[in-house]
Amino acid sequence: MFERSLPSSDQLPLFGELTFTGVEMMGTYILLGAVGAGIGTAAAAIAVSWFLDA
């Protein structure tokens, strides 16, 4: 759904040669998910430690 809303390479010639395969995009999604989970875990650990110190 999102890819259909993007402009075509004719409309943005600067980015016309950038192409991504499904495998590359899946790797990016997994990396973003892992980073997000890591940040969430760290934030939760800090919040719990502050709560337990109080």
PDB file of N, CA and C in Angstrom:
ATOM      1  N   MET A   1       0.832  -1.181   0.000  1.00  0.00           N
ATOM      2  CA  MET A   1       0.000   0.000   0.000  1.00  0.00           C
ATOM      3  C   MET A   1       0.882   1.252   0.000  1.00  0.00           C
ATOM      4  N   PHE A   2       1.929   1.258   0.809  1.00  0.00           N
ATOM      5  CA  PHE A   2       2.788   2.434   0.897  1.00  0.00           C
ATOM      6  C   PHE A   2       3.555   2.667  -0.398  1.00  0.00           C
ATOM      7  N   GLU A   3       4.023   1.601  -1.028  1.00  0.00           N
ATOM      8  CA  GLU A   3       4.816   1.753  -2.241  1.00  0.00           C
ATOM      9  C   GLU A   3       4.017   2.351  -3.386  1.00  0.00           C
ATOM     10  N   ARG A   4       2.724   2.097  -3.412  1.00  0.00           N
ATOM     11  CA  ARG A   4       1.896   2.667  -4.481  1.00  0.00           C
ATOM     12  C   ARG A   4       1.738   4.171  -4.335  1.00  0.00           C
ATOM     13  N   SER A   5       1.889   4.712  -3.124  1.00  0.00           N
ATOM     14  CA  SER A   5       1.712   6.145  -2.917  1.00  0.00           C
ATOM     15  C   SER A   5       2.985   6.936  -3.207  1.00  0.00           C
ATOM     16  N   LEU A   6       4.109   6.254  -3.402  1.00  0.00           N
ATOM     17  CA  LEU A   6       5.360   6.939  -3.705  1.00  0.00           C
ATOM     18  C   LEU A   6       5.384   7.403  -5.151  1.00  0.00           C
ATOM     19  N   PRO A   7       6.061   8.515  -5.428  1.00  0.00           N
ATOM     20  CA  PRO A   7       6.162   8.963  -6.812  1.00  0.00           C
ATOM     21  C   PRO A   7       7.036   8.006  -7.626  1.00  0.00           C
ATOM     22  N   SER A   8       6.817   7.980  -8.923  1.00  0.00           N
ATOM     23  CA  SER A   8       7.601   7.094  -9.793  1.00  0.00           C
ATOM     24  C   SER A   8       8.985   7.695 -10.019  1.00  0.00           C
ATOM     25  N   SER A   9       9.882   6.901 -10.585  1.00  0.00           N
ATOM     26  CA  SER A   9      11.243   7.375 -10.839  1.00  0.00           C
ATOM     27  C   SER A   9      11.266   8.471 -11.906  1.00  0.00           C
ATOM     28  N   ASP A  10      10.227   8.548 -12.735  1.00  0.00           N
ATOM     29  CA  ASP A  10      10.156   9.630 -13.719  1.00  0.00           C
ATOM     30  C   ASP A  10       9.913  10.969 -13.039  1.00  0.00           C
ATOM     31  N   GLN A  11       9.221  10.955 -11.936  1.00  0.00           N
ATOM     32  CA  GLN A  11       8.912  12.191 -11.222  1.00  0.00           C
ATOM     33  C   GLN A  11      10.083  12.642 -10.349  1.00  0.00           C
ATOM     34  N   LEU A  12      10.928  11.726  -9.918  1.00  0.00           N
ATOM     35  CA  LEU A  12      12.105  12.049  -9.120  1.00  0.00           C
ATOM     36  C   LEU A  12      13.345  11.446  -9.781  1.00  0.00           C
ATOM     37  N   PRO A  13      13.887  12.097 -10.797  1.00  0.00           N
ATOM     38  CA  PRO A  13      15.007  11.497 -11.530  1.00  0.00           C
ATOM     39  C   PRO A  13      16.269  11.346 -10.681  1.00  0.00           C
ATOM     40  N   LEU A  14      16.417  12.144  -9.645  1.00  0.00           N
ATOM     41  CA  LEU A  14      17.592  12.046  -8.788  1.00  0.00           C
ATOM     42  C   LEU A  14      17.678  10.683  -8.116  1.00  0.00           C
ATOM     43  N   PHE A  15      16.529  10.120  -7.738  1.00  0.00           N
ATOM     44  CA  PHE A  15      16.484   8.845  -7.058  1.00  0.00           C
ATOM     45  C   PHE A  15      16.093   7.691  -7.979  1.00  0.00           C
ATOM     46  N   GLY A  16      16.133   7.886  -9.260  1.00  0.00           N
ATOM     47  CA  GLY A  16      15.694   6.886 -10.216  1.00  0.00           C
ATOM     48  C   GLY A  16      16.519   5.617 -10.203  1.00  0.00           C
ATOM     49  N   GLU A  17      17.791   5.730  -9.854  1.00  0.00           N
ATOM     50  CA  GLU A  17      18.649   4.556  -9.893  1.00  0.00           C
ATOM     51  C   GLU A  17      18.692   3.822  -8.563  1.00  0.00           C
ATOM     52  N   LEU A  18      18.022   4.302  -7.560  1.00  0.00           N
ATOM     53  CA  LEU A  18      17.962   3.613  -6.278  1.00  0.00           C
ATOM     54  C   LEU A  18      16.852   2.576  -6.319  1.00  0.00           C
ATOM     55  N   THR A  19      17.233   1.336  -6.242  1.00  0.00           N
ATOM     56  CA  THR A  19      16.244   0.267  -6.195  1.00  0.00           C
ATOM     57  C   THR A  19      16.570  -0.641  -5.018  1.00  0.00           C
ATOM     58  N   PHE A  20      15.552  -1.145  -4.386  1.00  0.00           N
ATOM     59  CA  PHE A  20      15.723  -2.009  -3.241  1.00  0.00           C
ATOM     60  C   PHE A  20      14.953  -3.294  -3.483  1.00  0.00           C
ATOM     61  N   THR A  21      15.574  -4.391  -3.156  1.00  0.00           N
ATOM     62  CA  THR A  21      14.901  -5.675  -3.290  1.00  0.00           C
ATOM     63  C   THR A  21      14.160  -5.987  -1.998  1.00  0.00           C
ATOM     64  N   GLY A  22      13.304  -6.976  -2.057  1.00  0.00           N
ATOM     65  CA  GLY A  22      12.565  -7.384  -0.871  1.00  0.00           C
ATOM     66  C   GLY A  22      13.478  -7.869   0.236  1.00  0.00           C
ATOM     67  N   VAL A  23      14.573  -8.521  -0.134  1.00  0.00           N
ATOM     68  CA  VAL A  23      15.516  -9.031   0.865  1.00  0.00           C
ATOM     69  C   VAL A  23      16.182  -7.877   1.597  1.00  0.00           C
ATOM     70  N   GLU A  24      16.569  -6.836   0.867  1.00  0.00           N
ATOM     71  CA  GLU A  24      17.192  -5.677   1.500  1.00  0.00           C
ATOM     72  C   GLU A  24      16.209  -4.968   2.433  1.00  0.00           C
ATOM     73  N   MET A  25      14.983  -4.843   1.984  1.00  0.00           N
ATOM     74  CA  MET A  25      13.981  -4.176   2.813  1.00  0.00           C
ATOM     75  C   MET A  25      13.669  -4.998   4.056  1.00  0.00           C
ATOM     76  N   MET A  26      13.610  -6.309   3.922  1.00  0.00           N
ATOM     77  CA  MET A  26      13.334  -7.162   5.072  1.00  0.00           C
ATOM     78  C   MET A  26      14.451  -7.043   6.100  1.00  0.00           C
ATOM     79  N   GLY A  27      15.695  -6.987   5.637  1.00  0.00           N
ATOM     80  CA  GLY A  27      16.819  -6.777   6.544  1.00  0.00           C
ATOM     81  C   GLY A  27      16.720  -5.456   7.276  1.00  0.00           C
ATOM     82  N   THR A  28      16.289  -4.424   6.570  1.00  0.00           N
ATOM     83  CA  THR A  28      16.114  -3.116   7.191  1.00  0.00           C
ATOM     84  C   THR A  28      15.011  -3.148   8.236  1.00  0.00           C
ATOM     85  N   TYR A  29      13.908  -3.812   7.920  1.00  0.00           N
ATOM     86  CA  TYR A  29      12.800  -3.912   8.877  1.00  0.00           C
ATOM     87  C   TYR A  29      13.214  -4.684  10.122  1.00  0.00           C
ATOM     88  N   ILE A  30      13.961  -5.752   9.943  1.00  0.00           N
ATOM     89  CA  ILE A  30      14.417  -6.540  11.095  1.00  0.00           C
ATOM     90  C   ILE A  30      15.376  -5.717  11.951  1.00  0.00           C
ATOM     91  N   LEU A  31      16.283  -5.000  11.317  1.00  0.00           N
ATOM     92  CA  LEU A  31      17.220  -4.153  12.058  1.00  0.00           C
ATOM     93  C   LEU A  31      16.490  -3.060  12.830  1.00  0.00           C
ATOM     94  N   LEU A  32      15.534  -2.403  12.193  1.00  0.00           N
ATOM     95  CA  LEU A  32      14.774  -1.363  12.886  1.00  0.00           C
ATOM     96  C   LEU A  32      13.972  -1.935  14.047  1.00  0.00           C
ATOM     97  N   GLY A  33      13.409  -3.112  13.860  1.00  0.00           N
ATOM     98  CA  GLY A  33      12.677  -3.760  14.948  1.00  0.00           C
ATOM     99  C   GLY A  33      13.586  -4.108  16.105  1.00  0.00           C
ATOM    100  N   ALA A  34      14.770  -4.621  15.817  1.00  0.00           N
ATOM    101  CA  ALA A  34      15.717  -4.979  16.868  1.00  0.00           C
ATOM    102  C   ALA A  34      16.207  -3.743  17.621  1.00  0.00           C
ATOM    103  N   VAL A  35      16.503  -2.678  16.906  1.00  0.00           N
ATOM    104  CA  VAL A  35      16.937  -1.437  17.551  1.00  0.00           C
ATOM    105  C   VAL A  35      15.814  -0.874  18.415  1.00  0.00           C
ATOM    106  N   GLY A  36      14.598  -0.883  17.901  1.00  0.00           N
ATOM    107  CA  GLY A  36      13.454  -0.399  18.672  1.00  0.00           C
ATOM    108  C   GLY A  36      13.220  -1.228  19.922  1.00  0.00           C
ATOM    109  N   ALA A  37      13.346  -2.546  19.801  1.00  0.00           N
ATOM    110  CA  ALA A  37      13.180  -3.416  20.959  1.00  0.00           C
ATOM    111  C   ALA A  37      14.280  -3.170  21.988  1.00  0.00           C
ATOM    112  N   GLY A  38      15.492  -2.953  21.519  1.00  0.00           N
ATOM    113  CA  GLY A  38      16.603  -2.663  22.428  1.00  0.00           C
ATOM    114  C   GLY A  38      16.411  -1.355  23.170  1.00  0.00           C
ATOM    115  N   ILE A  39      15.982  -0.324  22.468  1.00  0.00           N
ATOM    116  CA  ILE A  39      15.735   0.969  23.104  1.00  0.00           C
ATOM    117  C   ILE A  39      14.587   0.856  24.103  1.00  0.00           C
ATOM    118  N   GLY A  40      13.546   0.151  23.733  1.00  0.00           N
ATOM    119  CA  GLY A  40      12.415  -0.046  24.638  1.00  0.00           C
ATOM    120  C   GLY A  40      12.805  -0.821  25.880  1.00  0.00           C
ATOM    121  N   THR A  41      13.619  -1.849  25.703  1.00  0.00           N
ATOM    122  CA  THR A  41      14.075  -2.634  26.844  1.00  0.00           C
ATOM    123  C   THR A  41      14.934  -1.795  27.781  1.00  0.00           C
ATOM    124  N   ALA A  42      15.845  -1.013  27.220  1.00  0.00           N
ATOM    125  CA  ALA A  42      16.703  -0.155  28.039  1.00  0.00           C
ATOM    126  C   ALA A  42      15.868   0.882  28.794  1.00  0.00           C
ATOM    127  N   ALA A  43      14.905   1.483  28.126  1.00  0.00           N
ATOM    128  CA  ALA A  43      14.063   2.487  28.779  1.00  0.00           C
ATOM    129  C   ALA A  43      13.227   1.859  29.887  1.00  0.00           C
ATOM    130  N   ALA A  44      12.706   0.677  29.649  1.00  0.00           N
ATOM    131  CA  ALA A  44      11.921  -0.006  30.679  1.00  0.00           C
ATOM    132  C   ALA A  44      12.790  -0.370  31.872  1.00  0.00           C
ATOM    133  N   ALA A  45      14.017  -0.819  31.622  1.00  0.00           N
ATOM    134  CA  ALA A  45      14.923  -1.169  32.714  1.00  0.00           C
ATOM    135  C   ALA A  45      15.264   0.055  33.561  1.00  0.00           C
ATOM    136  N   ILE A  46      15.482   1.182  32.915  1.00  0.00           N
ATOM    137  CA  ILE A  46      15.787   2.420  33.650  1.00  0.00           C
ATOM    138  C   ILE A  46      14.560   2.840  34.474  1.00  0.00           C
ATOM    139  N   ALA A  47      13.384   2.777  33.878  1.00  0.00           N
ATOM    140  CA  ALA A  47      12.167   3.181  34.597  1.00  0.00           C
ATOM    141  C   ALA A  47      11.909   2.272  35.787  1.00  0.00           C
ATOM    142  N   VAL A  48      12.094   0.990  35.632  1.00  0.00           N
ATOM    143  CA  VAL A  48      11.862   0.050  36.732  1.00  0.00           C
ATOM    144  C   VAL A  48      12.883   0.268  37.837  1.00  0.00           C
ATOM    145  N   SER A  49      14.140   0.500  37.463  1.00  0.00           N
ATOM    146  CA  SER A  49      15.141   0.717  38.498  1.00  0.00           C
ATOM    147  C   SER A  49      14.861   1.996  39.274  1.00  0.00           C
ATOM    148  N   TRP A  50      14.409   3.047  38.600  1.00  0.00           N
ATOM    149  CA  TRP A  50      14.044   4.283  39.302  1.00  0.00           C
ATOM    150  C   TRP A  50      12.852   4.054  40.199  1.00  0.00           C
ATOM    151  N   PHE A  51      11.870   3.297  39.726  1.00  0.00           N
ATOM    152  CA  PHE A  51      10.674   3.037  40.510  1.00  0.00           C
ATOM    153  C   PHE A  51      11.006   2.221  41.763  1.00  0.00           C
ATOM    154  N   LEU A  52      11.874   1.242  41.634  1.00  0.00           N
ATOM    155  CA  LEU A  52      12.220   0.406  42.762  1.00  0.00           C
ATOM    156  C   LEU A  52      13.130   1.117  43.769  1.00  0.00           C
ATOM    157  N   ASP A  53      13.864   2.121  43.321  1.00  0.00           N
ATOM    158  CA  ASP A  53      14.697   2.897  44.247  1.00  0.00           C
ATOM    159  C   ASP A  53      13.863   3.822  45.106  1.00  0.00           C
ATOM    160  N   ALA A  54      12.705   4.211  44.645  1.00  0.00           N
ATOM    161  CA  ALA A  54      11.876   5.188  45.363  1.00  0.00           C
ATOM    162  C   ALA A  54      11.204   4.613  46.585  1.00  0.00           C
TER     163      ALA A  54
END
